[in-house]
């Protein structure tokens, strides 16, 4: 499946460079489009912060990959439960690992959304 998703080229200093463009702050990539994501820490990741993922549903988003910051930690229970109920998978890891994993999975054509908390 052909994808036109932006690749994460660098991260750090409070943002990301995706496909040659600097993005300040956290980013949410859904439907091969990177957007500003007003999430600064793990506690701020809510079902509402991923509304676009839920709108697209499991036919368009197989799973969400979250980069939860400098250190891996379990996302909030309400988010985990909402994704499970919607039939959307969840993977989470520290932001550096998530950025690398996102690039790999995107190159394989996987249907994922990715939320990366800036570090």
PDB file of N, CA and C in Angstrom:
ATOM      1  N   UNK A   1       0.842  -1.180   0.000  1.00  0.00           N
ATOM      2  CA  UNK A   1       0.000   0.000   0.000  1.00  0.00           C
ATOM      3  C   UNK A   1       0.886   1.241   0.000  1.00  0.00           C
ATOM      4  N   UNK A   2       0.714   2.102  -0.972  1.00  0.00           N
ATOM      5  CA  UNK A   2       1.521   3.313  -1.083  1.00  0.00           C
ATOM      6  C   UNK A   2       1.126   4.312  -0.001  1.00  0.00           C
ATOM      7  N   UNK A   3       2.124   4.883   0.620  1.00  0.00           N
ATOM      8  CA  UNK A   3       1.895   5.850   1.685  1.00  0.00           C
ATOM      9  C   UNK A   3       2.668   7.113   1.353  1.00  0.00           C
ATOM     10  N   UNK A   4       2.145   8.228   1.819  1.00  0.00           N
ATOM     11  CA  UNK A   4       2.834   9.505   1.676  1.00  0.00           C
ATOM     12  C   UNK A   4       2.995  10.118   3.063  1.00  0.00           C
ATOM     13  N   UNK A   5       3.395   9.303   4.007  1.00  0.00           N
ATOM     14  CA  UNK A   5       3.514   9.739   5.395  1.00  0.00           C
ATOM     15  C   UNK A   5       4.836  10.467   5.615  1.00  0.00           C
ATOM     16  N   UNK A   6       4.815  11.495   6.463  1.00  0.00           N
ATOM     17  CA  UNK A   6       6.075  12.177   6.777  1.00  0.00           C
ATOM     18  C   UNK A   6       6.938  11.295   7.668  1.00  0.00           C
ATOM     19  N   UNK A   7       8.217  11.254   7.393  1.00  0.00           N
ATOM     20  CA  UNK A   7       9.146  10.493   8.229  1.00  0.00           C
ATOM     21  C   UNK A   7       9.714  11.421   9.298  1.00  0.00           C
ATOM     22  N   UNK A   8       9.972  10.871  10.483  1.00  0.00           N
ATOM     23  CA  UNK A   8      10.578  11.641  11.563  1.00  0.00           C
ATOM     24  C   UNK A   8      12.086  11.638  11.321  1.00  0.00           C
ATOM     25  N   UNK A   9      12.625  12.812  11.014  1.00  0.00           N
ATOM     26  CA  UNK A   9      14.052  12.926  10.717  1.00  0.00           C
ATOM     27  C   UNK A   9      14.876  13.196  11.972  1.00  0.00           C
ATOM     28  N   UNK A  10      14.391  14.069  12.833  1.00  0.00           N
ATOM     29  CA  UNK A  10      15.075  14.361  14.096  1.00  0.00           C
ATOM     30  C   UNK A  10      14.030  14.695  15.148  1.00  0.00           C
ATOM     31  N   UNK A  11      14.451  14.612  16.403  1.00  0.00           N
ATOM     32  CA  UNK A  11      13.598  14.983  17.523  1.00  0.00           C
ATOM     33  C   UNK A  11      14.479  15.582  18.607  1.00  0.00           C
ATOM     34  N   UNK A  12      13.876  16.375  19.468  1.00  0.00           N
ATOM     35  CA  UNK A  12      14.599  16.986  20.573  1.00  0.00           C
ATOM     36  C   UNK A  12      14.427  18.490  20.558  1.00  0.00           C
ATOM     37  N   UNK A  13      14.950  19.132  21.573  1.00  0.00           N
ATOM     38  CA  UNK A  13      14.846  20.590  21.710  1.00  0.00           C
ATOM     39  C   UNK A  13      13.400  21.065  21.591  1.00  0.00           C
ATOM     40  N   UNK A  14      12.486  20.249  22.110  1.00  0.00           N
ATOM     41  CA  UNK A  14      11.086  20.659  22.164  1.00  0.00           C
ATOM     42  C   UNK A  14      10.292  20.492  20.891  1.00  0.00           C
ATOM     43  N   UNK A  15      10.780  19.679  19.952  1.00  0.00           N
ATOM     44  CA  UNK A  15      10.024  19.492  18.719  1.00  0.00           C
ATOM     45  C   UNK A  15      10.595  18.391  17.845  1.00  0.00           C
ATOM     46  N   UNK A  16      10.181  18.424  16.582  1.00  0.00           N
ATOM     47  CA  UNK A  16      10.528  17.377  15.621  1.00  0.00           C
ATOM     48  C   UNK A  16      10.795  17.994  14.254  1.00  0.00           C
ATOM     49  N   UNK A  17      11.587  17.305  13.431  1.00  0.00           N
ATOM     50  CA  UNK A  17      11.673  17.641  12.012  1.00  0.00           C
ATOM     51  C   UNK A  17      11.099  16.453  11.265  1.00  0.00           C
ATOM     52  N   UNK A  18      10.031  16.743  10.524  1.00  0.00           N
ATOM     53  CA  UNK A  18       9.334  15.719   9.748  1.00  0.00           C
ATOM     54  C   UNK A  18       9.345  16.156   8.288  1.00  0.00           C
ATOM     55  N   UNK A  19       9.829  15.290   7.430  1.00  0.00           N
ATOM     56  CA  UNK A  19       9.842  15.560   5.985  1.00  0.00           C
ATOM     57  C   UNK A  19      10.409  16.952   5.688  1.00  0.00           C
ATOM     58  N   UNK A  20      11.498  17.308   6.383  1.00  0.00           N
ATOM     59  CA  UNK A  20      12.180  18.572   6.109  1.00  0.00           C
ATOM     60  C   UNK A  20      11.611  19.788   6.808  1.00  0.00           C
ATOM     61  N   UNK A  21      10.533  19.643   7.564  1.00  0.00           N
ATOM     62  CA  UNK A  21       9.908  20.784   8.232  1.00  0.00           C
ATOM     63  C   UNK A  21      10.004  20.640   9.736  1.00  0.00           C
ATOM     64  N   UNK A  22      10.365  21.723  10.410  1.00  0.00           N
ATOM     65  CA  UNK A  22      10.443  21.739  11.874  1.00  0.00           C
ATOM     66  C   UNK A  22       9.039  21.942  12.448  1.00  0.00           C
ATOM     67  N   UNK A  23       8.691  21.121  13.427  1.00  0.00           N
ATOM     68  CA  UNK A  23       7.418  21.222  14.145  1.00  0.00           C
ATOM     69  C   UNK A  23       7.748  21.443  15.616  1.00  0.00           C
ATOM     70  N   UNK A  24       7.320  22.554  16.170  1.00  0.00           N
ATOM     71  CA  UNK A  24       7.546  22.828  17.588  1.00  0.00           C
ATOM     72  C   UNK A  24       6.485  22.111  18.407  1.00  0.00           C
ATOM     73  N   UNK A  25       6.892  21.544  19.521  1.00  0.00           N
ATOM     74  CA  UNK A  25       5.959  20.857  20.399  1.00  0.00           C
ATOM     75  C   UNK A  25       5.652  19.452  19.924  1.00  0.00           C
ATOM     76  N   UNK A  26       4.658  18.871  20.559  1.00  0.00           N
ATOM     77  CA  UNK A  26       4.252  17.499  20.248  1.00  0.00           C
ATOM     78  C   UNK A  26       3.510  17.446  18.917  1.00  0.00           C
ATOM     79  N   UNK A  27       3.534  16.262  18.284  1.00  0.00           N
ATOM     80  CA  UNK A  27       2.861  16.087  16.998  1.00  0.00           C
ATOM     81  C   UNK A  27       1.979  14.841  17.025  1.00  0.00           C
ATOM     82  N   UNK A  28       0.908  14.923  16.250  1.00  0.00           N
ATOM     83  CA  UNK A  28       0.020  13.791  16.028  1.00  0.00           C
ATOM     84  C   UNK A  28      -0.013  13.549  14.531  1.00  0.00           C
ATOM     85  N   UNK A  29       0.297  12.326  14.135  1.00  0.00           N
ATOM     86  CA  UNK A  29       0.297  11.968  12.712  1.00  0.00           C
ATOM     87  C   UNK A  29      -0.853  10.995  12.487  1.00  0.00           C
ATOM     88  N   UNK A  30      -1.822  11.441  11.705  1.00  0.00           N
ATOM     89  CA  UNK A  30      -2.997  10.625  11.383  1.00  0.00           C
ATOM     90  C   UNK A  30      -3.262  10.806   9.896  1.00  0.00           C
ATOM     91  N   UNK A  31      -3.540   9.713   9.208  1.00  0.00           N
ATOM     92  CA  UNK A  31      -3.831   9.814   7.778  1.00  0.00           C
ATOM     93  C   UNK A  31      -2.686  10.423   6.997  1.00  0.00           C
ATOM     94  N   UNK A  32      -1.458  10.116   7.396  1.00  0.00           N
ATOM     95  CA  UNK A  32      -0.248  10.592   6.736  1.00  0.00           C
ATOM     96  C   UNK A  32      -0.073  12.106   6.811  1.00  0.00           C
ATOM     97  N   UNK A  33      -0.717  12.755   7.774  1.00  0.00           N
ATOM     98  CA  UNK A  33      -0.581  14.193   7.962  1.00  0.00           C
ATOM     99  C   UNK A  33      -0.178  14.487   9.404  1.00  0.00           C
ATOM    100  N   UNK A  34       0.875  15.283   9.562  1.00  0.00           N
ATOM    101  CA  UNK A  34       1.348  15.674  10.893  1.00  0.00           C
ATOM    102  C   UNK A  34       0.680  16.968  11.306  1.00  0.00           C
ATOM    103  N   UNK A  35       0.201  16.982  12.548  1.00  0.00           N
ATOM    104  CA  UNK A  35      -0.487  18.164  13.081  1.00  0.00           C
ATOM    105  C   UNK A  35       0.064  18.493  14.460  1.00  0.00           C
ATOM    106  N   UNK A  36      -0.089  19.756  14.844  1.00  0.00           N
ATOM    107  CA  UNK A  36       0.248  20.160  16.202  1.00  0.00           C
ATOM    108  C   UNK A  36      -0.647  19.379  17.154  1.00  0.00           C
ATOM    109  N   UNK A  37      -0.052  18.866  18.214  1.00  0.00           N
ATOM    110  CA  UNK A  37      -0.794  18.085  19.210  1.00  0.00           C
ATOM    111  C   UNK A  37      -0.566  18.746  20.559  1.00  0.00           C
ATOM    112  N   UNK A  38      -1.563  19.382  21.139  1.00  0.00           N
ATOM    113  CA  UNK A  38      -1.360  20.153  22.367  1.00  0.00           C
ATOM    114  C   UNK A  38      -1.242  19.281  23.618  1.00  0.00           C
ATOM    115  N   UNK A  39      -0.372  18.299  23.568  1.00  0.00           N
ATOM    116  CA  UNK A  39      -0.125  17.391  24.695  1.00  0.00           C
ATOM    117  C   UNK A  39       1.326  17.596  25.114  1.00  0.00           C
ATOM    118  N   UNK A  40       1.547  17.873  26.398  1.00  0.00           N
ATOM    119  CA  UNK A  40       2.903  18.116  26.882  1.00  0.00           C
ATOM    120  C   UNK A  40       3.435  16.997  27.761  1.00  0.00           C
ATOM    121  N   UNK A  41       2.523  16.136  28.248  1.00  0.00           N
ATOM    122  CA  UNK A  41       2.963  15.037  29.097  1.00  0.00           C
ATOM    123  C   UNK A  41       1.946  13.905  29.035  1.00  0.00           C
ATOM    124  N   UNK A  42       2.313  12.783  29.584  1.00  0.00           N
ATOM    125  CA  UNK A  42       1.497  11.572  29.513  1.00  0.00           C
ATOM    126  C   UNK A  42       0.100  11.764  30.088  1.00  0.00           C
ATOM    127  N   UNK A  43      -0.023  12.497  31.178  1.00  0.00           N
ATOM    128  CA  UNK A  43      -1.325  12.705  31.816  1.00  0.00           C
ATOM    129  C   UNK A  43      -2.307  13.453  30.911  1.00  0.00           C
ATOM    130  N   UNK A  44      -1.800  14.184  29.933  1.00  0.00           N
ATOM    131  CA  UNK A  44      -2.659  14.951  29.030  1.00  0.00           C
ATOM    132  C   UNK A  44      -3.145  14.144  27.834  1.00  0.00           C
ATOM    133  N   UNK A  45      -2.717  12.891  27.702  1.00  0.00           N
ATOM    134  CA  UNK A  45      -3.206  12.059  26.599  1.00  0.00           C
ATOM    135  C   UNK A  45      -4.538  11.454  27.031  1.00  0.00           C
ATOM    136  N   UNK A  46      -5.593  11.944  26.423  1.00  0.00           N
ATOM    137  CA  UNK A  46      -6.952  11.514  26.745  1.00  0.00           C
ATOM    138  C   UNK A  46      -7.630  11.030  25.474  1.00  0.00           C
ATOM    139  N   UNK A  47      -8.769  10.368  25.608  1.00  0.00           N
ATOM    140  CA  UNK A  47      -9.519  10.035  24.393  1.00  0.00           C
ATOM    141  C   UNK A  47      -9.834  11.287  23.560  1.00  0.00           C
ATOM    142  N   UNK A  48     -10.096  12.396  24.219  1.00  0.00           N
ATOM    143  CA  UNK A  48     -10.396  13.640  23.490  1.00  0.00           C
ATOM    144  C   UNK A  48      -9.185  14.132  22.700  1.00  0.00           C
ATOM    145  N   UNK A  49      -7.988  13.935  23.245  1.00  0.00           N
ATOM    146  CA  UNK A  49      -6.785  14.387  22.533  1.00  0.00           C
ATOM    147  C   UNK A  49      -6.514  13.547  21.287  1.00  0.00           C
ATOM    148  N   UNK A  50      -7.166  12.389  21.207  1.00  0.00           N
ATOM    149  CA  UNK A  50      -7.029  11.501  20.043  1.00  0.00           C
ATOM    150  C   UNK A  50      -8.362  11.370  19.292  1.00  0.00           C
ATOM    151  N   UNK A  51      -9.188  12.409  19.375  1.00  0.00           N
ATOM    152  CA  UNK A  51     -10.519  12.372  18.753  1.00  0.00           C
ATOM    153  C   UNK A  51     -10.453  11.986  17.276  1.00  0.00           C
ATOM    154  N   UNK A  52      -9.473  12.502  16.564  1.00  0.00           N
ATOM    155  CA  UNK A  52      -9.370  12.194  15.125  1.00  0.00           C
ATOM    156  C   UNK A  52      -9.114  10.706  14.879  1.00  0.00           C
ATOM    157  N   UNK A  53      -8.367  10.083  15.754  1.00  0.00           N
ATOM    158  CA  UNK A  53      -8.113   8.642  15.641  1.00  0.00           C
ATOM    159  C   UNK A  53      -9.428   7.884  15.812  1.00  0.00           C
ATOM    160  N   UNK A  54     -10.198   8.249  16.833  1.00  0.00           N
ATOM    161  CA  UNK A  54     -11.481   7.577  17.078  1.00  0.00           C
ATOM    162  C   UNK A  54     -12.460   7.813  15.924  1.00  0.00           C
ATOM    163  N   UNK A  55     -12.438   9.018  15.339  1.00  0.00           N
ATOM    164  CA  UNK A  55     -13.323   9.315  14.199  1.00  0.00           C
ATOM    165  C   UNK A  55     -13.003   8.411  13.015  1.00  0.00           C
ATOM    166  N   UNK A  56     -11.743   8.143  12.777  1.00  0.00           N
ATOM    167  CA  UNK A  56     -11.345   7.300  11.644  1.00  0.00           C
ATOM    168  C   UNK A  56     -11.637   5.827  11.905  1.00  0.00           C
ATOM    169  N   UNK A  57     -11.503   5.413  13.146  1.00  0.00           N
ATOM    170  CA  UNK A  57     -11.852   4.048  13.523  1.00  0.00           C
ATOM    171  C   UNK A  57     -10.858   3.009  13.051  1.00  0.00           C
ATOM    172  N   UNK A  58     -11.123   1.744  13.405  1.00  0.00           N
ATOM    173  CA  UNK A  58     -10.171   0.665  13.124  1.00  0.00           C
ATOM    174  C   UNK A  58     -10.008   0.323  11.644  1.00  0.00           C
ATOM    175  N   UNK A  59     -10.919   0.746  10.798  1.00  0.00           N
ATOM    176  CA  UNK A  59     -10.726   0.491   9.353  1.00  0.00           C
ATOM    177  C   UNK A  59      -9.585   1.315   8.791  1.00  0.00           C
ATOM    178  N   UNK A  60      -9.367   2.509   9.360  1.00  0.00           N
ATOM    179  CA  UNK A  60      -8.292   3.389   8.886  1.00  0.00           C
ATOM    180  C   UNK A  60      -7.080   3.389   9.799  1.00  0.00           C
ATOM    181  N   UNK A  61      -7.280   3.090  11.089  1.00  0.00           N
ATOM    182  CA  UNK A  61      -6.185   3.107  12.057  1.00  0.00           C
ATOM    183  C   UNK A  61      -6.150   1.758  12.767  1.00  0.00           C
ATOM    184  N   UNK A  62      -5.161   0.973  12.412  1.00  0.00           N
ATOM    185  CA  UNK A  62      -4.970  -0.349  13.012  1.00  0.00           C
ATOM    186  C   UNK A  62      -4.602  -0.217  14.494  1.00  0.00           C
ATOM    187  N   UNK A  63      -3.688   0.727  14.777  1.00  0.00           N
ATOM    188  CA  UNK A  63      -3.289   0.973  16.153  1.00  0.00           C
ATOM    189  C   UNK A  63      -2.667   2.357  16.280  1.00  0.00           C
ATOM    190  N   UNK A  64      -2.577   2.817  17.521  1.00  0.00           N
ATOM    191  CA  UNK A  64      -1.940   4.086  17.844  1.00  0.00           C
ATOM    192  C   UNK A  64      -0.588   3.773  18.475  1.00  0.00           C
ATOM    193  N   UNK A  65       0.430   4.432  17.989  1.00  0.00           N
ATOM    194  CA  UNK A  65       1.765   4.346  18.567  1.00  0.00           C
ATOM    195  C   UNK A  65       2.012   5.654  19.306  1.00  0.00           C
ATOM    196  N   UNK A  66       2.255   5.567  20.602  1.00  0.00           N
ATOM    197  CA  UNK A  66       2.496   6.759  21.405  1.00  0.00           C
ATOM    198  C   UNK A  66       3.949   6.827  21.853  1.00  0.00           C
ATOM    199  N   UNK A  67       4.551   7.982  21.642  1.00  0.00           N
ATOM    200  CA  UNK A  67       5.838   8.310  22.234  1.00  0.00           C
ATOM    201  C   UNK A  67       5.532   9.153  23.454  1.00  0.00           C
ATOM    202  N   UNK A  68       5.700   8.570  24.640  1.00  0.00           N
ATOM    203  CA  UNK A  68       5.153   9.167  25.863  1.00  0.00           C
ATOM    204  C   UNK A  68       6.127  10.082  26.600  1.00  0.00           C
ATOM    205  N   UNK A  69       7.235  10.448  25.976  1.00  0.00           N
ATOM    206  CA  UNK A  69       8.201  11.344  26.608  1.00  0.00           C
ATOM    207  C   UNK A  69       9.568  10.693  26.723  1.00  0.00           C
ATOM    208  N   UNK A  70      10.371  11.204  27.632  1.00  0.00           N
ATOM    209  CA  UNK A  70      11.741  10.694  27.800  1.00  0.00           C
ATOM    210  C   UNK A  70      11.799   9.269  28.330  1.00  0.00           C
ATOM    211  N   UNK A  71      10.813   8.914  29.164  1.00  0.00           N
ATOM    212  CA  UNK A  71      10.810   7.608  29.823  1.00  0.00           C
ATOM    213  C   UNK A  71       9.482   6.911  29.538  1.00  0.00           C
ATOM    214  N   UNK A  72       9.534   5.640  29.194  1.00  0.00           N
ATOM    215  CA  UNK A  72       8.319   4.879  28.925  1.00  0.00           C
ATOM    216  C   UNK A  72       7.473   4.763  30.192  1.00  0.00           C
ATOM    217  N   UNK A  73       6.169   4.894  30.020  1.00  0.00           N
ATOM    218  CA  UNK A  73       5.233   4.760  31.138  1.00  0.00           C
ATOM    219  C   UNK A  73       3.872   4.380  30.575  1.00  0.00           C
ATOM    220  N   UNK A  74       3.050   3.801  31.406  1.00  0.00           N
ATOM    221  CA  UNK A  74       1.732   3.328  31.012  1.00  0.00           C
ATOM    222  C   UNK A  74       0.779   4.496  30.765  1.00  0.00           C
ATOM    223  N   UNK A  75       0.134   4.559  29.586  1.00  0.00           N
ATOM    224  CA  UNK A  75      -0.854   5.611  29.328  1.00  0.00           C
ATOM    225  C   UNK A  75      -2.042   5.496  30.286  1.00  0.00           C
ATOM    226  N   UNK A  76      -2.793   6.589  30.449  1.00  0.00           N
ATOM    227  CA  UNK A  76      -3.930   6.582  31.370  1.00  0.00           C
ATOM    228  C   UNK A  76      -4.939   5.473  31.049  1.00  0.00           C
ATOM    229  N   UNK A  77      -5.521   4.916  32.106  1.00  0.00           N
ATOM    230  CA  UNK A  77      -6.466   3.809  31.978  1.00  0.00           C
ATOM    231  C   UNK A  77      -7.653   4.164  31.086  1.00  0.00           C
ATOM    232  N   UNK A  78      -8.186   5.374  31.220  1.00  0.00           N
ATOM    233  CA  UNK A  78      -9.333   5.785  30.409  1.00  0.00           C
ATOM    234  C   UNK A  78      -9.011   5.719  28.921  1.00  0.00           C
ATOM    235  N   UNK A  79      -7.808   6.092  28.557  1.00  0.00           N
ATOM    236  CA  UNK A  79      -7.386   6.028  27.155  1.00  0.00           C
ATOM    237  C   UNK A  79      -7.264   4.584  26.697  1.00  0.00           C
ATOM    238  N   UNK A  80      -6.610   3.758  27.491  1.00  0.00           N
ATOM    239  CA  UNK A  80      -6.453   2.342  27.133  1.00  0.00           C
ATOM    240  C   UNK A  80      -7.807   1.676  26.931  1.00  0.00           C
ATOM    241  N   UNK A  81      -8.730   1.949  27.833  1.00  0.00           N
ATOM    242  CA  UNK A  81     -10.065   1.347  27.736  1.00  0.00           C
ATOM    243  C   UNK A  81     -10.837   1.850  26.523  1.00  0.00           C
ATOM    244  N   UNK A  82     -10.748   3.151  26.246  1.00  0.00           N
ATOM    245  CA  UNK A  82     -11.471   3.718  25.103  1.00  0.00           C
ATOM    246  C   UNK A  82     -10.950   3.143  23.787  1.00  0.00           C
ATOM    247  N   UNK A  83      -9.640   3.008  23.653  1.00  0.00           N
ATOM    248  CA  UNK A  83      -9.072   2.435  22.424  1.00  0.00           C
ATOM    249  C   UNK A  83      -9.495   0.977  22.273  1.00  0.00           C
ATOM    250  N   UNK A  84      -9.440   0.214  23.354  1.00  0.00           N
ATOM    251  CA  UNK A  84      -9.845  -1.196  23.296  1.00  0.00           C
ATOM    252  C   UNK A  84     -11.311  -1.308  22.880  1.00  0.00           C
ATOM    253  N   UNK A  85     -12.159  -0.479  23.453  1.00  0.00           N
ATOM    254  CA  UNK A  85     -13.584  -0.499  23.122  1.00  0.00           C
ATOM    255  C   UNK A  85     -13.824  -0.160  21.648  1.00  0.00           C
ATOM    256  N   UNK A  86     -12.991   0.731  21.107  1.00  0.00           N
ATOM    257  CA  UNK A  86     -13.125   1.143  19.704  1.00  0.00           C
ATOM    258  C   UNK A  86     -12.482   0.144  18.739  1.00  0.00           C
ATOM    259  N   UNK A  87     -11.784  -0.853  19.261  1.00  0.00           N
ATOM    260  CA  UNK A  87     -11.136  -1.837  18.398  1.00  0.00           C
ATOM    261  C   UNK A  87      -9.843  -1.341  17.780  1.00  0.00           C
ATOM    262  N   UNK A  88      -9.204  -0.364  18.429  1.00  0.00           N
ATOM    263  CA  UNK A  88      -7.952   0.209  17.948  1.00  0.00           C
ATOM    264  C   UNK A  88      -6.849  -0.201  18.921  1.00  0.00           C
ATOM    265  N   UNK A  89      -5.782  -0.760  18.395  1.00  0.00           N
ATOM    266  CA  UNK A  89      -4.680  -1.199  19.233  1.00  0.00           C
ATOM    267  C   UNK A  89      -3.872  -0.042  19.785  1.00  0.00           C
ATOM    268  N   UNK A  90      -3.025  -0.337  20.751  1.00  0.00           N
ATOM    269  CA  UNK A  90      -2.184   0.664  21.390  1.00  0.00           C
ATOM    270  C   UNK A  90      -0.795   0.097  21.630  1.00  0.00           C
ATOM    271  N   UNK A  91       0.202   0.835  21.208  1.00  0.00           N
ATOM    272  CA  UNK A  91       1.599   0.554  21.530  1.00  0.00           C
ATOM    273  C   UNK A  91       2.172   1.842  22.094  1.00  0.00           C
ATOM    274  N   UNK A  92       3.010   1.741  23.104  1.00  0.00           N
ATOM    275  CA  UNK A  92       3.597   2.941  23.693  1.00  0.00           C
ATOM    276  C   UNK A  92       5.023   2.654  24.101  1.00  0.00           C
ATOM    277  N   UNK A  93       5.845   3.696  24.024  1.00  0.00           N
ATOM    278  CA  UNK A  93       7.260   3.603  24.376  1.00  0.00           C
ATOM    279  C   UNK A  93       7.787   5.017  24.527  1.00  0.00           C
ATOM    280  N   UNK A  94       9.049   5.155  24.931  1.00  0.00           N
ATOM    281  CA  UNK A  94       9.601   6.497  25.035  1.00  0.00           C
ATOM    282  C   UNK A  94       9.627   7.133  23.643  1.00  0.00           C
ATOM    283  N   UNK A  95       9.648   8.448  23.613  1.00  0.00           N
ATOM    284  CA  UNK A  95       9.550   9.163  22.334  1.00  0.00           C
ATOM    285  C   UNK A  95      10.657   8.797  21.345  1.00  0.00           C
ATOM    286  N   UNK A  96      11.936   8.714  21.749  1.00  0.00           N
ATOM    287  CA  UNK A  96      12.960   8.325  20.761  1.00  0.00           C
ATOM    288  C   UNK A  96      12.676   6.968  20.114  1.00  0.00           C
ATOM    289  N   UNK A  97      12.302   5.986  20.915  1.00  0.00           N
ATOM    290  CA  UNK A  97      11.999   4.660  20.366  1.00  0.00           C
ATOM    291  C   UNK A  97      10.760   4.708  19.482  1.00  0.00           C
ATOM    292  N   UNK A  98       9.762   5.483  19.888  1.00  0.00           N
ATOM    293  CA  UNK A  98       8.533   5.583  19.098  1.00  0.00           C
ATOM    294  C   UNK A  98       8.797   6.236  17.742  1.00  0.00           C
ATOM    295  N   UNK A  99       9.647   7.252  17.704  1.00  0.00           N
ATOM    296  CA  UNK A  99       9.967   7.913  16.433  1.00  0.00           C
ATOM    297  C   UNK A  99      10.609   6.920  15.465  1.00  0.00           C
ATOM    298  N   UNK A 100      11.534   6.119  15.962  1.00  0.00           N
ATOM    299  CA  UNK A 100      12.191   5.124  15.115  1.00  0.00           C
ATOM    300  C   UNK A 100      11.214   4.035  14.680  1.00  0.00           C
ATOM    301  N   UNK A 101      10.397   3.584  15.602  1.00  0.00           N
ATOM    302  CA  UNK A 101       9.418   2.535  15.296  1.00  0.00           C
ATOM    303  C   UNK A 101       8.390   3.033  14.288  1.00  0.00           C
ATOM    304  N   UNK A 102       7.943   4.277  14.458  1.00  0.00           N
ATOM    305  CA  UNK A 102       6.997   4.875  13.509  1.00  0.00           C
ATOM    306  C   UNK A 102       7.582   4.839  12.094  1.00  0.00           C
ATOM    307  N   UNK A 103       8.825   5.279  11.940  1.00  0.00           N
ATOM    308  CA  UNK A 103       9.440   5.288  10.610  1.00  0.00           C
ATOM    309  C   UNK A 103       9.473   3.881  10.010  1.00  0.00           C
ATOM    310  N   UNK A 104       9.845   2.902  10.800  1.00  0.00           N
ATOM    311  CA  UNK A 104       9.914   1.522  10.320  1.00  0.00           C
ATOM    312  C   UNK A 104       8.531   1.013   9.912  1.00  0.00           C
ATOM    313  N   UNK A 105       7.550   1.170  10.794  1.00  0.00           N
ATOM    314  CA  UNK A 105       6.212   0.654  10.511  1.00  0.00           C
ATOM    315  C   UNK A 105       5.551   1.375   9.340  1.00  0.00           C
ATOM    316  N   UNK A 106       5.808   2.671   9.228  1.00  0.00           N
ATOM    317  CA  UNK A 106       5.258   3.430   8.103  1.00  0.00           C
ATOM    318  C   UNK A 106       5.873   2.943   6.793  1.00  0.00           C
ATOM    319  N   UNK A 107       7.168   2.669   6.801  1.00  0.00           N
ATOM    320  CA  UNK A 107       7.821   2.187   5.576  1.00  0.00           C
ATOM    321  C   UNK A 107       7.273   0.825   5.162  1.00  0.00           C
ATOM    322  N   UNK A 108       6.728   0.082   6.132  1.00  0.00           N
ATOM    323  CA  UNK A 108       6.108  -1.211   5.838  1.00  0.00           C
ATOM    324  C   UNK A 108       4.647  -1.070   5.409  1.00  0.00           C
ATOM    325  N   UNK A 109       4.126   0.156   5.423  1.00  0.00           N
ATOM    326  CA  UNK A 109       2.747   0.384   4.981  1.00  0.00           C
ATOM    327  C   UNK A 109       1.692   0.135   6.039  1.00  0.00           C
ATOM    328  N   UNK A 110       2.087   0.055   7.294  1.00  0.00           N
ATOM    329  CA  UNK A 110       1.113  -0.200   8.360  1.00  0.00           C
ATOM    330  C   UNK A 110       0.178   0.996   8.534  1.00  0.00           C
ATOM    331  N   UNK A 111      -1.067   0.719   8.870  1.00  0.00           N
ATOM    332  CA  UNK A 111      -2.088   1.756   9.077  1.00  0.00           C
ATOM    333  C   UNK A 111      -2.086   2.174  10.554  1.00  0.00           C
ATOM    334  N   UNK A 112      -1.224   3.119  10.877  1.00  0.00           N
ATOM    335  CA  UNK A 112      -1.140   3.545  12.256  1.00  0.00           C
ATOM    336  C   UNK A 112      -1.276   5.048  12.386  1.00  0.00           C
ATOM    337  N   UNK A 113      -1.663   5.464  13.562  1.00  0.00           N
ATOM    338  CA  UNK A 113      -1.594   6.866  13.958  1.00  0.00           C
ATOM    339  C   UNK A 113      -0.469   6.950  14.974  1.00  0.00           C
ATOM    340  N   UNK A 114       0.165   8.109  15.071  1.00  0.00           N
ATOM    341  CA  UNK A 114       1.309   8.242  15.970  1.00  0.00           C
ATOM    342  C   UNK A 114       1.238   9.574  16.693  1.00  0.00           C
ATOM    343  N   UNK A 115       1.263   9.513  18.005  1.00  0.00           N
ATOM    344  CA  UNK A 115       1.345  10.717  18.829  1.00  0.00           C
ATOM    345  C   UNK A 115       2.697  10.741  19.510  1.00  0.00           C
ATOM    346  N   UNK A 116       3.446  11.817  19.288  1.00  0.00           N
ATOM    347  CA  UNK A 116       4.795  11.938  19.849  1.00  0.00           C
ATOM    348  C   UNK A 116       4.866  13.150  20.766  1.00  0.00           C
ATOM    349  N   UNK A 117       5.131  12.908  22.049  1.00  0.00           N
ATOM    350  CA  UNK A 117       5.317  14.002  22.993  1.00  0.00           C
ATOM    351  C   UNK A 117       6.729  14.541  22.826  1.00  0.00           C
ATOM    352  N   UNK A 118       6.838  15.854  22.640  1.00  0.00           N
ATOM    353  CA  UNK A 118       8.131  16.488  22.434  1.00  0.00           C
ATOM    354  C   UNK A 118       9.006  16.348  23.675  1.00  0.00           C
ATOM    355  N   UNK A 119      10.307  16.183  23.420  1.00  0.00           N
ATOM    356  CA  UNK A 119      11.289  16.122  24.510  1.00  0.00           C
ATOM    357  C   UNK A 119      12.381  17.137  24.264  1.00  0.00           C
TER     358      UNK A 119
END
